[in-house]
Amino acid sequence: MIGKLQRVSLREVWKDEARDFTPWLQGNIEVLNEVLDFTLTSVEREQTAGDFSVDMTAEDESGNIVIIESQLEKSDHDHLGKIITYLTAIGAKYAIWITSDPRPEHVAAINWLNESTAASFYLLKVEAIQIGDSLPAPLLTLIVGPSQEGKIAGVTKKDIAERDELRYRFWSGLLERAKGMMQLFTNISPGRYSYISAGAGRSGLSFLYNIRKHDAMIQFYIDRGKVEENKGIFDRLDATKSTIEQDFGESLEWEHPEGKRAYGITKTITLGGYRDDEAKWPEIQDAMITAMIRLVCSPECFLVS
């Protein structure tokens, strides 16, 4: 015969978190160890954290501090706040939150904390089960835990946010320095992308500033939506290449990448990029602005019908 698994109300097993569940967990810590990727030792109850008291603290195999907060109800913001407060107050490396019903928003929050902080957070669901008339047994399920992939994703997100902020500051500085020097980008706002652009006076033609980690570019960009039309414009300009480069004052890069729809006439500036020392930014920005003025003044660029 096979018995039927049944869930039992947690309050029938542990009437009170502090008086019943926490002492039980302290005496049966192996139940928690079975679902973690490390082993807890030196378990203690009711440790102070400033003006607060942590349900339980423990240590891992290396002696790092672990805080454990339990909740025999649906997860709530109050306990999430406590966990973060306790962790920082005690200087713990791990935080374990045990709850009977993890809310989706708290699952997401723990995932975010694992990606965004050096600490490791675990969210577990606790249930009580029995088969037939057997004694109730605990069932702990790991809902969220840290992972190497998550930490890498967190670092990537941080790098992206930092990159976007650097680019925004770079464009703000460039546009400010360009005021009074040329009108083309006067009404353009700084952005967080790798480029800012201004129309060249005809549909599908534009002038671009482009900033990368360690170099920059200015470009006359051709994209009217159709490869054949773009190529036709580019070929007409290419036929007067020597005149355009003479007006510009030096050679340009004539880009017609295979399989790409857009075409471009580019000048790369090798003084540096947004990842270089910000003290160099004014020099880079001035070089970009000066080169753009010369490119815009090349009359052949505006002879495209």
C-alpha atoms as a PDB file:
ATOM      1  CA  MET A   1       0.000   0.000   0.000  1.00  0.00           C
ATOM      2  CA  ILE A   2       1.062   3.592  -0.597  1.00  0.00           C
ATOM      3  CA  GLY A   3      -0.023   6.338   1.752  1.00  0.00           C
ATOM      4  CA  LYS A   4      -1.276   9.740   0.713  1.00  0.00           C
ATOM      5  CA  LEU A   5       0.865  12.760   1.479  1.00  0.00           C
ATOM      6  CA  GLN A   6      -1.035  15.511   3.263  1.00  0.00           C
ATOM      7  CA  ARG A   7      -0.069  19.014   4.281  1.00  0.00           C
ATOM      8  CA  VAL A   8      -0.668  20.071   7.849  1.00  0.00           C
ATOM      9  CA  SER A   9      -1.221  23.608   9.066  1.00  0.00           C
ATOM     10  CA  LEU A  10       2.054  24.968  10.394  1.00  0.00           C
ATOM     11  CA  ARG A  11       0.264  26.421  13.404  1.00  0.00           C
ATOM     12  CA  GLU A  12      -0.840  22.912  14.402  1.00  0.00           C
ATOM     13  CA  VAL A  13       2.820  21.902  14.583  1.00  0.00           C
ATOM     14  CA  TRP A  14       4.443  25.126  15.800  1.00  0.00           C
ATOM     15  CA  LYS A  15       1.962  27.457  17.459  1.00  0.00           C
ATOM     16  CA  ASP A  16       4.455  30.289  17.882  1.00  0.00           C
ATOM     17  CA  GLU A  17       7.506  31.188  15.808  1.00  0.00           C
ATOM     18  CA  ALA A  18       9.716  32.414  18.635  1.00  0.00           C
ATOM     19  CA  ARG A  19       8.680  29.905  21.329  1.00  0.00           C
ATOM     20  CA  ASP A  20       8.179  26.818  19.159  1.00  0.00           C
ATOM     21  CA  PHE A  21       9.614  26.969  15.626  1.00  0.00           C
ATOM     22  CA  THR A  22      12.912  28.732  16.359  1.00  0.00           C
ATOM     23  CA  PRO A  23      13.918  26.371  19.238  1.00  0.00           C
ATOM     24  CA  TRP A  24      12.935  23.381  17.121  1.00  0.00           C
ATOM     25  CA  LEU A  25      15.040  24.606  14.182  1.00  0.00           C
ATOM     26  CA  GLN A  26      18.017  25.236  16.461  1.00  0.00           C
ATOM     27  CA  GLY A  27      17.863  21.651  17.694  1.00  0.00           C
ATOM     28  CA  ASN A  28      17.288  20.215  14.213  1.00  0.00           C
ATOM     29  CA  ILE A  29      19.570  22.374  12.087  1.00  0.00           C
ATOM     30  CA  GLU A  30      20.456  19.372   9.910  1.00  0.00           C
ATOM     31  CA  VAL A  31      17.014  19.726   8.297  1.00  0.00           C
ATOM     32  CA  LEU A  32      18.104  23.135   7.023  1.00  0.00           C
ATOM     33  CA  ASN A  33      21.600  21.939   6.108  1.00  0.00           C
ATOM     34  CA  GLU A  34      20.090  19.344   3.792  1.00  0.00           C
ATOM     35  CA  VAL A  35      18.755  22.040   1.428  1.00  0.00           C
ATOM     36  CA  LEU A  36      21.707  24.448   1.598  1.00  0.00           C
ATOM     37  CA  ASP A  37      24.996  24.281  -0.297  1.00  0.00           C
ATOM     38  CA  PHE A  38      26.975  24.761   2.930  1.00  0.00           C
ATOM     39  CA  THR A  39      26.778  23.510   6.518  1.00  0.00           C
ATOM     40  CA  LEU A  40      25.601  25.564   9.483  1.00  0.00           C
ATOM     41  CA  THR A  41      27.254  25.248  12.889  1.00  0.00           C
ATOM     42  CA  SER A  42      27.334  27.210  16.162  1.00  0.00           C
ATOM     43  CA  VAL A  43      23.634  27.992  16.004  1.00  0.00           C
ATOM     44  CA  GLU A  44      22.410  30.583  18.515  1.00  0.00           C
ATOM     45  CA  ARG A  45      19.037  32.236  19.143  1.00  0.00           C
ATOM     46  CA  GLU A  46      18.004  35.850  19.681  1.00  0.00           C
ATOM     47  CA  GLN A  47      21.235  37.644  18.836  1.00  0.00           C
ATOM     48  CA  THR A  48      21.140  41.439  19.071  1.00  0.00           C
ATOM     49  CA  ALA A  49      21.648  43.636  16.015  1.00  0.00           C
ATOM     50  CA  GLY A  50      21.622  47.194  17.322  1.00  0.00           C
ATOM     51  CA  ASP A  51      18.145  47.789  18.723  1.00  0.00           C
ATOM     52  CA  PHE A  52      16.829  44.593  17.106  1.00  0.00           C
ATOM     53  CA  SER A  53      17.038  40.882  17.771  1.00  0.00           C
ATOM     54  CA  VAL A  54      17.810  38.282  15.073  1.00  0.00           C
ATOM     55  CA  ASP A  55      15.823  35.036  15.277  1.00  0.00           C
ATOM     56  CA  MET A  56      18.957  32.926  14.867  1.00  0.00           C
ATOM     57  CA  THR A  57      22.591  33.250  13.896  1.00  0.00           C
ATOM     58  CA  ALA A  58      25.024  30.554  12.840  1.00  0.00           C
ATOM     59  CA  GLU A  59      28.378  30.086  11.136  1.00  0.00           C
ATOM     60  CA  ASP A  60      29.419  28.319   7.955  1.00  0.00           C
ATOM     61  CA  GLU A  61      32.410  26.001   7.669  1.00  0.00           C
ATOM     62  CA  SER A  62      34.760  28.996   7.356  1.00  0.00           C
ATOM     63  CA  GLY A  63      33.375  30.856  10.337  1.00  0.00           C
ATOM     64  CA  ASN A  64      31.347  33.378   8.315  1.00  0.00           C
ATOM     65  CA  ILE A  65      28.270  34.704  10.094  1.00  0.00           C
ATOM     66  CA  VAL A  66      24.831  33.576   8.886  1.00  0.00           C
ATOM     67  CA  ILE A  67      21.533  35.151   9.963  1.00  0.00           C
ATOM     68  CA  ILE A  68      18.297  33.173   9.898  1.00  0.00           C
ATOM     69  CA  GLU A  69      14.888  34.826  10.007  1.00  0.00           C
ATOM     70  CA  SER A  70      11.733  32.712  10.091  1.00  0.00           C
ATOM     71  CA  GLN A  71       8.116  33.553   9.385  1.00  0.00           C
ATOM     72  CA  LEU A  72       5.264  31.054   9.598  1.00  0.00           C
ATOM     73  CA  GLU A  73       3.116  33.297   7.430  1.00  0.00           C
ATOM     74  CA  LYS A  74       3.191  34.803   3.941  1.00  0.00           C
ATOM     75  CA  SER A  75       6.391  36.758   3.356  1.00  0.00           C
ATOM     76  CA  ASP A  76       6.121  40.495   3.992  1.00  0.00           C
ATOM     77  CA  HIS A  77       8.109  43.695   3.513  1.00  0.00           C
ATOM     78  CA  ASP A  78       8.772  44.000   7.233  1.00  0.00           C
ATOM     79  CA  HIS A  79      10.780  40.767   7.359  1.00  0.00           C
ATOM     80  CA  LEU A  80      12.623  41.614   4.149  1.00  0.00           C
ATOM     81  CA  GLY A  81      13.667  44.910   5.727  1.00  0.00           C
ATOM     82  CA  LYS A  82      14.723  43.148   8.918  1.00  0.00           C
ATOM     83  CA  ILE A  83      16.887  40.695   6.999  1.00  0.00           C
ATOM     84  CA  ILE A  84      18.778  43.463   5.217  1.00  0.00           C
ATOM     85  CA  THR A  85      19.109  45.469   8.454  1.00  0.00           C
ATOM     86  CA  TYR A  86      20.363  42.502  10.469  1.00  0.00           C
ATOM     87  CA  LEU A  87      22.798  41.415   7.786  1.00  0.00           C
ATOM     88  CA  THR A  88      24.444  44.831   7.584  1.00  0.00           C
ATOM     89  CA  ALA A  89      24.369  45.426  11.365  1.00  0.00           C
ATOM     90  CA  ILE A  90      26.080  42.125  12.170  1.00  0.00           C
ATOM     91  CA  GLY A  91      28.287  42.002   9.099  1.00  0.00           C
ATOM     92  CA  ALA A  92      26.956  38.614   8.008  1.00  0.00           C
ATOM     93  CA  LYS A  93      27.862  36.965   4.726  1.00  0.00           C
ATOM     94  CA  TYR A  94      24.677  34.899   4.393  1.00  0.00           C
ATOM     95  CA  ALA A  95      20.995  35.607   5.048  1.00  0.00           C
ATOM     96  CA  ILE A  96      18.379  32.850   5.203  1.00  0.00           C
ATOM     97  CA  TRP A  97      14.681  33.705   5.151  1.00  0.00           C
ATOM     98  CA  ILE A  98      12.235  30.901   5.930  1.00  0.00           C
ATOM     99  CA  THR A  99       8.552  31.554   5.224  1.00  0.00           C
ATOM    100  CA  SER A 100       5.429  29.523   4.624  1.00  0.00           C
ATOM    101  CA  ASP A 101       4.388  31.448   1.520  1.00  0.00           C
ATOM    102  CA  PRO A 102       7.021  33.391  -0.472  1.00  0.00           C
ATOM    103  CA  ARG A 103       5.387  36.237  -2.410  1.00  0.00           C
ATOM    104  CA  PRO A 104       6.531  36.617  -6.054  1.00  0.00           C
ATOM    105  CA  GLU A 105       7.746  40.160  -5.388  1.00  0.00           C
ATOM    106  CA  HIS A 106       9.958  38.905  -2.547  1.00  0.00           C
ATOM    107  CA  VAL A 107      11.322  36.106  -4.711  1.00  0.00           C
ATOM    108  CA  ALA A 108      12.263  38.798  -7.227  1.00  0.00           C
ATOM    109  CA  ALA A 109      13.773  40.957  -4.477  1.00  0.00           C
ATOM    110  CA  ILE A 110      15.997  38.127  -3.220  1.00  0.00           C
ATOM    111  CA  ASN A 111      17.113  37.416  -6.771  1.00  0.00           C
ATOM    112  CA  TRP A 112      18.001  41.095  -7.167  1.00  0.00           C
ATOM    113  CA  LEU A 113      19.920  41.142  -3.880  1.00  0.00           C
ATOM    114  CA  ASN A 114      21.934  38.104  -4.966  1.00  0.00           C
ATOM    115  CA  GLU A 115      22.829  39.856  -8.221  1.00  0.00           C
ATOM    116  CA  SER A 116      23.546  43.246  -6.693  1.00  0.00           C
ATOM    117  CA  THR A 117      25.349  42.626  -3.397  1.00  0.00           C
ATOM    118  CA  ALA A 118      28.362  40.724  -2.112  1.00  0.00           C
ATOM    119  CA  ALA A 119      26.188  38.847   0.401  1.00  0.00           C
ATOM    120  CA  SER A 120      24.292  35.654  -0.392  1.00  0.00           C
ATOM    121  CA  PHE A 121      20.548  35.395   0.234  1.00  0.00           C
ATOM    122  CA  TYR A 122      18.431  32.253   0.527  1.00  0.00           C
ATOM    123  CA  LEU A 123      14.640  32.139   0.494  1.00  0.00           C
ATOM    124  CA  LEU A 124      13.060  28.885   1.668  1.00  0.00           C
ATOM    125  CA  LYS A 125       9.506  27.685   1.931  1.00  0.00           C
ATOM    126  CA  VAL A 126       8.563  25.688   5.045  1.00  0.00           C
ATOM    127  CA  GLU A 127       5.685  23.211   5.135  1.00  0.00           C
ATOM    128  CA  ALA A 128       4.527  20.451   7.444  1.00  0.00           C
ATOM    129  CA  ILE A 129       3.470  17.124   5.924  1.00  0.00           C
ATOM    130  CA  GLN A 130       2.280  13.734   7.086  1.00  0.00           C
ATOM    131  CA  ILE A 131       1.220  10.419   5.620  1.00  0.00           C
ATOM    132  CA  GLY A 132      -1.953   8.973   7.106  1.00  0.00           C
ATOM    133  CA  ASP A 133      -1.774   9.230  10.884  1.00  0.00           C
ATOM    134  CA  SER A 134       2.000   9.669  11.017  1.00  0.00           C
ATOM    135  CA  LEU A 135       3.646  12.430  12.988  1.00  0.00           C
ATOM    136  CA  PRO A 136       4.001  15.677  11.068  1.00  0.00           C
ATOM    137  CA  ALA A 137       7.349  16.164   9.352  1.00  0.00           C
ATOM    138  CA  PRO A 138       8.993  19.368   8.158  1.00  0.00           C
ATOM    139  CA  LEU A 139       9.518  20.038   4.471  1.00  0.00           C
ATOM    140  CA  LEU A 140      11.918  22.824   3.517  1.00  0.00           C
ATOM    141  CA  THR A 141      12.183  23.819  -0.143  1.00  0.00           C
ATOM    142  CA  LEU A 142      14.782  26.193  -1.509  1.00  0.00           C
ATOM    143  CA  ILE A 143      12.978  28.829  -3.593  1.00  0.00           C
ATOM    144  CA  VAL A 144      15.853  31.215  -4.334  1.00  0.00           C
ATOM    145  CA  GLY A 145      19.558  30.994  -3.670  1.00  0.00           C
ATOM    146  CA  PRO A 146      22.718  32.617  -4.967  1.00  0.00           C
ATOM    147  CA  SER A 147      24.419  31.335  -8.101  1.00  0.00           C
ATOM    148  CA  GLN A 148      27.566  32.132 -10.013  1.00  0.00           C
ATOM    149  CA  GLU A 149      25.439  32.986 -13.036  1.00  0.00           C
ATOM    150  CA  GLY A 150      23.398  35.405 -10.939  1.00  0.00           C
ATOM    151  CA  LYS A 151      26.499  37.125  -9.588  1.00  0.00           C
ATOM    152  CA  ILE A 152      27.873  37.445 -13.124  1.00  0.00           C
ATOM    153  CA  ALA A 153      24.529  38.855 -14.288  1.00  0.00           C
ATOM    154  CA  GLY A 154      24.652  41.347 -11.430  1.00  0.00           C
ATOM    155  CA  VAL A 155      28.138  42.484 -12.383  1.00  0.00           C
ATOM    156  CA  THR A 156      27.027  42.806 -16.004  1.00  0.00           C
ATOM    157  CA  LYS A 157      24.029  44.954 -15.037  1.00  0.00           C
ATOM    158  CA  LYS A 158      26.253  47.141 -12.878  1.00  0.00           C
ATOM    159  CA  ASP A 159      28.728  47.551 -15.735  1.00  0.00           C
ATOM    160  CA  ILE A 160      25.912  48.479 -18.126  1.00  0.00           C
ATOM    161  CA  ALA A 161      24.530  51.078 -15.707  1.00  0.00           C
ATOM    162  CA  GLU A 162      28.003  52.547 -15.206  1.00  0.00           C
ATOM    163  CA  ARG A 163      28.640  52.581 -18.956  1.00  0.00           C
ATOM    164  CA  ASP A 164      25.343  54.348 -19.650  1.00  0.00           C
ATOM    165  CA  GLU A 165      26.092  56.975 -17.005  1.00  0.00           C
ATOM    166  CA  LEU A 166      29.587  57.612 -18.400  1.00  0.00           C
ATOM    167  CA  ARG A 167      28.224  58.018 -21.924  1.00  0.00           C
ATOM    168  CA  TYR A 168      25.527  60.406 -20.735  1.00  0.00           C
ATOM    169  CA  ARG A 169      28.125  62.588 -19.007  1.00  0.00           C
ATOM    170  CA  PHE A 170      30.398  62.449 -22.047  1.00  0.00           C
ATOM    171  CA  TRP A 171      27.630  63.582 -24.416  1.00  0.00           C
ATOM    172  CA  SER A 172      26.549  66.312 -22.006  1.00  0.00           C
ATOM    173  CA  GLY A 173      30.074  67.684 -22.008  1.00  0.00           C
ATOM    174  CA  LEU A 174      30.476  67.428 -25.778  1.00  0.00           C
ATOM    175  CA  LEU A 175      27.193  69.192 -26.547  1.00  0.00           C
ATOM    176  CA  GLU A 176      28.012  71.949 -24.080  1.00  0.00           C
ATOM    177  CA  ARG A 177      31.445  72.472 -25.634  1.00  0.00           C
ATOM    178  CA  ALA A 178      29.943  72.484 -29.132  1.00  0.00           C
ATOM    179  CA  LYS A 179      27.625  75.413 -28.373  1.00  0.00           C
ATOM    180  CA  GLY A 180      28.606  78.416 -30.451  1.00  0.00           C
ATOM    181  CA  MET A 181      30.884  76.315 -32.641  1.00  0.00           C
ATOM    182  CA  MET A 182      28.236  74.696 -34.843  1.00  0.00           C
ATOM    183  CA  GLN A 183      24.445  74.738 -35.096  1.00  0.00           C
ATOM    184  CA  LEU A 184      23.769  71.193 -36.285  1.00  0.00           C
ATOM    185  CA  PHE A 185      23.558  69.557 -32.822  1.00  0.00           C
ATOM    186  CA  THR A 186      22.086  72.572 -30.987  1.00  0.00           C
ATOM    187  CA  ASN A 187      18.703  70.920 -30.333  1.00  0.00           C
ATOM    188  CA  ILE A 188      20.080  67.436 -29.598  1.00  0.00           C
ATOM    189  CA  SER A 189      19.890  66.129 -26.025  1.00  0.00           C
ATOM    190  CA  PRO A 190      22.528  63.907 -24.402  1.00  0.00           C
ATOM    191  CA  GLY A 191      21.659  60.227 -24.261  1.00  0.00           C
ATOM    192  CA  ARG A 192      22.998  56.970 -22.852  1.00  0.00           C
ATOM    193  CA  TYR A 193      23.634  55.219 -26.160  1.00  0.00           C
ATOM    194  CA  SER A 194      26.956  54.952 -27.941  1.00  0.00           C
ATOM    195  CA  TYR A 195      25.949  57.646 -30.437  1.00  0.00           C
ATOM    196  CA  ILE A 196      24.034  60.867 -30.913  1.00  0.00           C
ATOM    197  CA  SER A 197      22.860  61.983 -34.344  1.00  0.00           C
ATOM    198  CA  ALA A 198      21.474  64.966 -36.209  1.00  0.00           C
ATOM    199  CA  GLY A 199      19.721  64.996 -39.566  1.00  0.00           C
ATOM    200  CA  ALA A 200      21.709  66.129 -42.600  1.00  0.00           C
ATOM    201  CA  GLY A 201      18.749  67.910 -44.156  1.00  0.00           C
ATOM    202  CA  ARG A 202      17.460  65.001 -46.219  1.00  0.00           C
ATOM    203  CA  SER A 203      15.544  61.918 -45.169  1.00  0.00           C
ATOM    204  CA  GLY A 204      17.745  58.970 -44.281  1.00  0.00           C
ATOM    205  CA  LEU A 205      20.966  60.993 -44.115  1.00  0.00           C
ATOM    206  CA  SER A 206      22.507  62.025 -40.811  1.00  0.00           C
ATOM    207  CA  PHE A 207      25.683  63.006 -39.019  1.00  0.00           C
ATOM    208  CA  LEU A 208      26.702  60.882 -36.028  1.00  0.00           C
ATOM    209  CA  TYR A 209      29.029  61.216 -33.089  1.00  0.00           C
ATOM    210  CA  ASN A 210      30.018  57.779 -31.763  1.00  0.00           C
ATOM    211  CA  ILE A 211      31.930  57.072 -28.557  1.00  0.00           C
ATOM    212  CA  ARG A 212      33.413  53.700 -27.617  1.00  0.00           C
ATOM    213  CA  LYS A 213      35.510  52.489 -24.685  1.00  0.00           C
ATOM    214  CA  HIS A 214      38.840  53.700 -25.996  1.00  0.00           C
ATOM    215  CA  ASP A 215      38.191  55.597 -29.215  1.00  0.00           C
ATOM    216  CA  ALA A 216      35.566  57.719 -30.931  1.00  0.00           C
ATOM    217  CA  MET A 217      34.153  58.359 -34.402  1.00  0.00           C
ATOM    218  CA  ILE A 218      32.285  60.914 -36.428  1.00  0.00           C
ATOM    219  CA  GLN A 219      30.259  59.691 -39.377  1.00  0.00           C
ATOM    220  CA  PHE A 220      28.073  60.661 -42.296  1.00  0.00           C
ATOM    221  CA  TYR A 221      25.422  57.929 -42.158  1.00  0.00           C
ATOM    222  CA  ILE A 222      23.309  56.735 -45.085  1.00  0.00           C
ATOM    223  CA  ASP A 223      20.155  54.705 -44.508  1.00  0.00           C
ATOM    224  CA  ARG A 224      17.019  55.438 -46.488  1.00  0.00           C
ATOM    225  CA  GLY A 225      15.596  51.985 -45.861  1.00  0.00           C
ATOM    226  CA  LYS A 226      16.620  50.272 -49.073  1.00  0.00           C
ATOM    227  CA  VAL A 227      20.033  48.783 -49.787  1.00  0.00           C
ATOM    228  CA  GLU A 228      19.945  49.739 -53.466  1.00  0.00           C
ATOM    229  CA  GLU A 229      19.164  53.390 -52.746  1.00  0.00           C
ATOM    230  CA  ASN A 230      21.771  53.579 -49.979  1.00  0.00           C
ATOM    231  CA  LYS A 231      24.387  52.068 -52.278  1.00  0.00           C
ATOM    232  CA  GLY A 232      23.494  54.480 -55.058  1.00  0.00           C
ATOM    233  CA  ILE A 233      24.050  57.481 -52.771  1.00  0.00           C
ATOM    234  CA  PHE A 234      27.273  56.035 -51.420  1.00  0.00           C
ATOM    235  CA  ASP A 235      28.608  55.274 -54.903  1.00  0.00           C
ATOM    236  CA  ARG A 236      27.904  58.839 -56.040  1.00  0.00           C
ATOM    237  CA  LEU A 237      29.829  60.178 -53.045  1.00  0.00           C
ATOM    238  CA  ASP A 238      32.602  57.659 -53.557  1.00  0.00           C
ATOM    239  CA  ALA A 239      33.031  58.957 -57.101  1.00  0.00           C
ATOM    240  CA  THR A 240      33.992  62.337 -55.587  1.00  0.00           C
ATOM    241  CA  LYS A 241      36.020  60.826 -52.751  1.00  0.00           C
ATOM    242  CA  SER A 242      39.158  62.832 -53.485  1.00  0.00           C
ATOM    243  CA  THR A 243      37.218  66.117 -53.394  1.00  0.00           C
ATOM    244  CA  ILE A 244      35.455  65.251 -50.134  1.00  0.00           C
ATOM    245  CA  GLU A 245      38.692  64.200 -48.449  1.00  0.00           C
ATOM    246  CA  GLN A 246      40.448  67.321 -49.732  1.00  0.00           C
ATOM    247  CA  ASP A 247      37.693  69.481 -48.231  1.00  0.00           C
ATOM    248  CA  PHE A 248      37.831  67.471 -44.994  1.00  0.00           C
ATOM    249  CA  GLY A 249      41.619  67.783 -44.810  1.00  0.00           C
ATOM    250  CA  GLU A 250      42.571  64.118 -44.435  1.00  0.00           C
ATOM    251  CA  SER A 251      41.517  60.635 -45.462  1.00  0.00           C
ATOM    252  CA  LEU A 252      38.210  59.100 -44.361  1.00  0.00           C
ATOM    253  CA  GLU A 253      36.985  55.522 -43.939  1.00  0.00           C
ATOM    254  CA  TRP A 254      34.488  54.569 -46.646  1.00  0.00           C
ATOM    255  CA  GLU A 255      32.346  51.802 -45.205  1.00  0.00           C
ATOM    256  CA  HIS A 256      30.161  49.547 -47.298  1.00  0.00           C
ATOM    257  CA  PRO A 257      29.978  46.357 -45.165  1.00  0.00           C
ATOM    258  CA  GLU A 258      28.760  43.254 -46.953  1.00  0.00           C
ATOM    259  CA  GLY A 259      25.292  42.185 -45.877  1.00  0.00           C
ATOM    260  CA  LYS A 260      24.527  45.514 -44.168  1.00  0.00           C
ATOM    261  CA  ARG A 261      21.850  47.915 -45.328  1.00  0.00           C
ATOM    262  CA  ALA A 262      23.422  51.189 -44.151  1.00  0.00           C
ATOM    263  CA  TYR A 263      26.564  52.846 -45.481  1.00  0.00           C
ATOM    264  CA  GLY A 264      28.865  55.359 -43.849  1.00  0.00           C
ATOM    265  CA  ILE A 265      31.754  57.758 -44.291  1.00  0.00           C
ATOM    266  CA  THR A 266      33.715  57.742 -41.051  1.00  0.00           C
ATOM    267  CA  LYS A 267      36.641  59.316 -39.258  1.00  0.00           C
ATOM    268  CA  THR A 268      38.026  57.454 -36.234  1.00  0.00           C
ATOM    269  CA  ILE A 269      39.550  59.527 -33.446  1.00  0.00           C
ATOM    270  CA  THR A 270      42.095  57.567 -31.439  1.00  0.00           C
ATOM    271  CA  LEU A 271      42.712  59.971 -28.544  1.00  0.00           C
ATOM    272  CA  GLY A 272      40.542  57.888 -26.213  1.00  0.00           C
ATOM    273  CA  GLY A 273      37.004  56.930 -25.268  1.00  0.00           C
ATOM    274  CA  TYR A 274      34.503  57.076 -22.425  1.00  0.00           C
ATOM    275  CA  ARG A 275      36.420  54.513 -20.357  1.00  0.00           C
ATOM    276  CA  ASP A 276      39.577  56.587 -20.389  1.00  0.00           C
ATOM    277  CA  ASP A 277      40.521  59.176 -17.791  1.00  0.00           C
ATOM    278  CA  GLU A 278      37.773  61.807 -17.667  1.00  0.00           C
ATOM    279  CA  ALA A 279      40.483  64.463 -17.581  1.00  0.00           C
ATOM    280  CA  LYS A 280      41.086  63.542 -21.247  1.00  0.00           C
ATOM    281  CA  TRP A 281      37.446  63.953 -22.250  1.00  0.00           C
ATOM    282  CA  PRO A 282      37.667  67.667 -23.210  1.00  0.00           C
ATOM    283  CA  GLU A 283      40.524  66.892 -25.596  1.00  0.00           C
ATOM    284  CA  ILE A 284      38.568  64.001 -27.134  1.00  0.00           C
ATOM    285  CA  GLN A 285      35.391  66.084 -27.365  1.00  0.00           C
ATOM    286  CA  ASP A 286      37.189  69.004 -29.016  1.00  0.00           C
ATOM    287  CA  ALA A 287      38.741  66.665 -31.575  1.00  0.00           C
ATOM    288  CA  MET A 288      35.332  65.181 -32.348  1.00  0.00           C
ATOM    289  CA  ILE A 289      33.688  68.589 -32.679  1.00  0.00           C
ATOM    290  CA  THR A 290      36.451  69.940 -34.904  1.00  0.00           C
ATOM    291  CA  ALA A 291      36.300  66.876 -37.143  1.00  0.00           C
ATOM    292  CA  MET A 292      32.507  67.090 -37.328  1.00  0.00           C
ATOM    293  CA  ILE A 293      32.660  70.750 -38.371  1.00  0.00           C
ATOM    294  CA  ARG A 294      35.025  69.829 -41.198  1.00  0.00           C
ATOM    295  CA  LEU A 295      32.834  66.906 -42.272  1.00  0.00           C
ATOM    296  CA  VAL A 296      29.651  68.996 -42.258  1.00  0.00           C
ATOM    297  CA  CYS A 297      31.395  71.698 -44.283  1.00  0.00           C
ATOM    298  CA  SER A 298      32.361  69.211 -46.987  1.00  0.00           C
ATOM    299  CA  PRO A 299      29.953  70.428 -49.695  1.00  0.00           C
ATOM    300  CA  GLU A 300      29.656  67.103 -51.469  1.00  0.00           C
ATOM    301  CA  CYS A 301      27.703  65.674 -48.519  1.00  0.00           C
ATOM    302  CA  PHE A 302      24.804  67.998 -49.309  1.00  0.00           C
ATOM    303  CA  LEU A 303      24.699  67.376 -53.033  1.00  0.00           C
ATOM    304  CA  VAL A 304      22.748  64.163 -52.593  1.00  0.00           C
ATOM    305  CA  SER A 305      19.225  64.464 -54.012  1.00  0.00           C
END
